[in-house]
């Protein structure tokens, strides 16, 4: 005999259903409840796996952000070097053409 929901069986009997029919309906509903409980547990374990994947993705984004910050620093240094070099070249050319 399967698990029954006693309160449901009693309520169905009081509502006018036969005890056998109330018992079968109660057993069927109990089996659905067990099935939904297992589905809910499967979903929770799946969500836990997904959350672990998000942690890996967040770690990857942190590494990318760190690398982009380093590259921005290097680009700024190169801009200053090019600007200084261009200014010195212009100054040398002006000095040559003026004299």
C-alpha atoms as a PDB file:
ATOM      1  CA  UNK A   1       0.000   0.000   0.000  1.00  0.00           C
ATOM      2  CA  UNK A   2       1.309   3.399  -0.903  1.00  0.00           C
ATOM      3  CA  UNK A   3       1.590   6.368   1.401  1.00  0.00           C
ATOM      4  CA  UNK A   4      -1.682   8.197   1.956  1.00  0.00           C
ATOM      5  CA  UNK A   5      -2.475  11.703   3.051  1.00  0.00           C
ATOM      6  CA  UNK A   6      -4.706  10.960   6.030  1.00  0.00           C
ATOM      7  CA  UNK A   7      -6.303  14.360   6.365  1.00  0.00           C
ATOM      8  CA  UNK A   8      -7.201  14.399   2.680  1.00  0.00           C
ATOM      9  CA  UNK A   9      -8.698  10.893   2.874  1.00  0.00           C
ATOM     10  CA  UNK A  10     -10.757  11.850   5.901  1.00  0.00           C
ATOM     11  CA  UNK A  11     -11.942  15.060   4.236  1.00  0.00           C
ATOM     12  CA  UNK A  12     -12.986  13.170   1.079  1.00  0.00           C
ATOM     13  CA  UNK A  13     -14.885  10.594   3.136  1.00  0.00           C
ATOM     14  CA  UNK A  14     -16.665  13.371   5.042  1.00  0.00           C
ATOM     15  CA  UNK A  15     -17.495  15.050   1.716  1.00  0.00           C
ATOM     16  CA  UNK A  16     -19.293  11.902   0.599  1.00  0.00           C
ATOM     17  CA  UNK A  17     -16.727   9.843  -1.279  1.00  0.00           C
ATOM     18  CA  UNK A  18     -16.463   6.156  -0.560  1.00  0.00           C
ATOM     19  CA  UNK A  19     -13.532   5.142   1.697  1.00  0.00           C
ATOM     20  CA  UNK A  20     -11.943   3.123  -1.130  1.00  0.00           C
ATOM     21  CA  UNK A  21     -12.139   6.011  -3.595  1.00  0.00           C
ATOM     22  CA  UNK A  22     -10.894   8.459  -0.984  1.00  0.00           C
ATOM     23  CA  UNK A  23      -7.977   6.128  -0.216  1.00  0.00           C
ATOM     24  CA  UNK A  24      -7.005   5.806  -3.895  1.00  0.00           C
ATOM     25  CA  UNK A  25      -7.227   9.586  -4.420  1.00  0.00           C
ATOM     26  CA  UNK A  26      -5.148  10.173  -1.317  1.00  0.00           C
ATOM     27  CA  UNK A  27      -2.506   7.649  -2.477  1.00  0.00           C
ATOM     28  CA  UNK A  28      -2.367   9.248  -5.933  1.00  0.00           C
ATOM     29  CA  UNK A  29      -1.927  12.718  -4.515  1.00  0.00           C
ATOM     30  CA  UNK A  30       0.786  11.465  -2.146  1.00  0.00           C
ATOM     31  CA  UNK A  31       2.683   9.967  -5.104  1.00  0.00           C
ATOM     32  CA  UNK A  32       2.448  13.288  -6.955  1.00  0.00           C
ATOM     33  CA  UNK A  33       3.747  15.064  -3.866  1.00  0.00           C
ATOM     34  CA  UNK A  34       6.738  12.686  -3.691  1.00  0.00           C
ATOM     35  CA  UNK A  35       7.417  13.208  -7.397  1.00  0.00           C
ATOM     36  CA  UNK A  36       7.343  17.001  -7.072  1.00  0.00           C
ATOM     37  CA  UNK A  37       9.604  16.804  -4.029  1.00  0.00           C
ATOM     38  CA  UNK A  38      12.197  14.854  -6.033  1.00  0.00           C
ATOM     39  CA  UNK A  39      11.915  17.351  -8.910  1.00  0.00           C
ATOM     40  CA  UNK A  40      12.412  20.242  -6.475  1.00  0.00           C
ATOM     41  CA  UNK A  41      15.492  18.541  -5.031  1.00  0.00           C
ATOM     42  CA  UNK A  42      16.887  17.964  -8.539  1.00  0.00           C
ATOM     43  CA  UNK A  43      16.329  21.630  -9.370  1.00  0.00           C
ATOM     44  CA  UNK A  44      18.101  22.741  -6.187  1.00  0.00           C
ATOM     45  CA  UNK A  45      21.125  20.603  -6.988  1.00  0.00           C
ATOM     46  CA  UNK A  46      21.111  21.942 -10.566  1.00  0.00           C
ATOM     47  CA  UNK A  47      20.974  25.525  -9.316  1.00  0.00           C
ATOM     48  CA  UNK A  48      23.889  24.808  -6.984  1.00  0.00           C
ATOM     49  CA  UNK A  49      25.922  23.602  -9.964  1.00  0.00           C
ATOM     50  CA  UNK A  50      24.994  26.706 -11.959  1.00  0.00           C
ATOM     51  CA  UNK A  51      25.989  28.964  -9.059  1.00  0.00           C
ATOM     52  CA  UNK A  52      29.396  27.260  -9.006  1.00  0.00           C
ATOM     53  CA  UNK A  53      29.727  27.978 -12.740  1.00  0.00           C
ATOM     54  CA  UNK A  54      28.913  31.633 -12.154  1.00  0.00           C
ATOM     55  CA  UNK A  55      31.720  31.817  -9.601  1.00  0.00           C
ATOM     56  CA  UNK A  56      34.144  30.567 -12.262  1.00  0.00           C
ATOM     57  CA  UNK A  57      32.851  33.116 -14.758  1.00  0.00           C
ATOM     58  CA  UNK A  58      33.185  35.912 -12.183  1.00  0.00           C
ATOM     59  CA  UNK A  59      36.768  34.842 -11.549  1.00  0.00           C
ATOM     60  CA  UNK A  60      37.441  34.942 -15.286  1.00  0.00           C
ATOM     61  CA  UNK A  61      35.987  38.435 -15.553  1.00  0.00           C
ATOM     62  CA  UNK A  62      38.167  39.571 -12.651  1.00  0.00           C
ATOM     63  CA  UNK A  63      41.254  38.342 -14.515  1.00  0.00           C
ATOM     64  CA  UNK A  64      40.138  40.105 -17.698  1.00  0.00           C
ATOM     65  CA  UNK A  65      39.528  43.359 -15.775  1.00  0.00           C
ATOM     66  CA  UNK A  66      42.969  43.086 -14.208  1.00  0.00           C
ATOM     67  CA  UNK A  67      44.600  42.583 -17.600  1.00  0.00           C
ATOM     68  CA  UNK A  68      42.678  45.502 -19.129  1.00  0.00           C
ATOM     69  CA  UNK A  69      43.806  47.765 -16.292  1.00  0.00           C
ATOM     70  CA  UNK A  70      47.419  46.758 -16.926  1.00  0.00           C
ATOM     71  CA  UNK A  71      47.025  47.399 -20.659  1.00  0.00           C
ATOM     72  CA  UNK A  72      45.487  50.829 -20.044  1.00  0.00           C
ATOM     73  CA  UNK A  73      48.502  51.744 -17.940  1.00  0.00           C
ATOM     74  CA  UNK A  74      50.887  50.649 -20.670  1.00  0.00           C
ATOM     75  CA  UNK A  75      48.910  52.558 -23.320  1.00  0.00           C
ATOM     76  CA  UNK A  76      49.028  55.725 -21.214  1.00  0.00           C
ATOM     77  CA  UNK A  77      52.804  55.349 -20.844  1.00  0.00           C
ATOM     78  CA  UNK A  78      53.173  54.879 -24.606  1.00  0.00           C
ATOM     79  CA  UNK A  79      51.053  57.992 -25.245  1.00  0.00           C
ATOM     80  CA  UNK A  80      53.347  60.067 -23.041  1.00  0.00           C
ATOM     81  CA  UNK A  81      56.418  58.605 -24.760  1.00  0.00           C
ATOM     82  CA  UNK A  82      55.034  59.367 -28.243  1.00  0.00           C
ATOM     83  CA  UNK A  83      53.976  62.865 -27.185  1.00  0.00           C
ATOM     84  CA  UNK A  84      57.397  63.641 -25.702  1.00  0.00           C
ATOM     85  CA  UNK A  85      59.177  62.205 -28.743  1.00  0.00           C
ATOM     86  CA  UNK A  86      56.948  64.185 -31.128  1.00  0.00           C
ATOM     87  CA  UNK A  87      57.519  67.416 -29.192  1.00  0.00           C
ATOM     88  CA  UNK A  88      61.301  66.912 -29.235  1.00  0.00           C
ATOM     89  CA  UNK A  89      61.266  66.142 -32.968  1.00  0.00           C
ATOM     90  CA  UNK A  90      59.228  69.276 -33.694  1.00  0.00           C
ATOM     91  CA  UNK A  91      61.584  71.323 -31.514  1.00  0.00           C
ATOM     92  CA  UNK A  92      64.658  69.962 -33.352  1.00  0.00           C
ATOM     93  CA  UNK A  93      63.076  70.609 -36.764  1.00  0.00           C
ATOM     94  CA  UNK A  94      62.128  74.165 -35.793  1.00  0.00           C
ATOM     95  CA  UNK A  95      65.653  74.747 -34.505  1.00  0.00           C
ATOM     96  CA  UNK A  96      67.121  73.481 -37.796  1.00  0.00           C
ATOM     97  CA  UNK A  97      64.814  75.541 -40.010  1.00  0.00           C
ATOM     98  CA  UNK A  98      65.104  78.742 -37.984  1.00  0.00           C
ATOM     99  CA  UNK A  99      68.913  78.881 -38.199  1.00  0.00           C
END
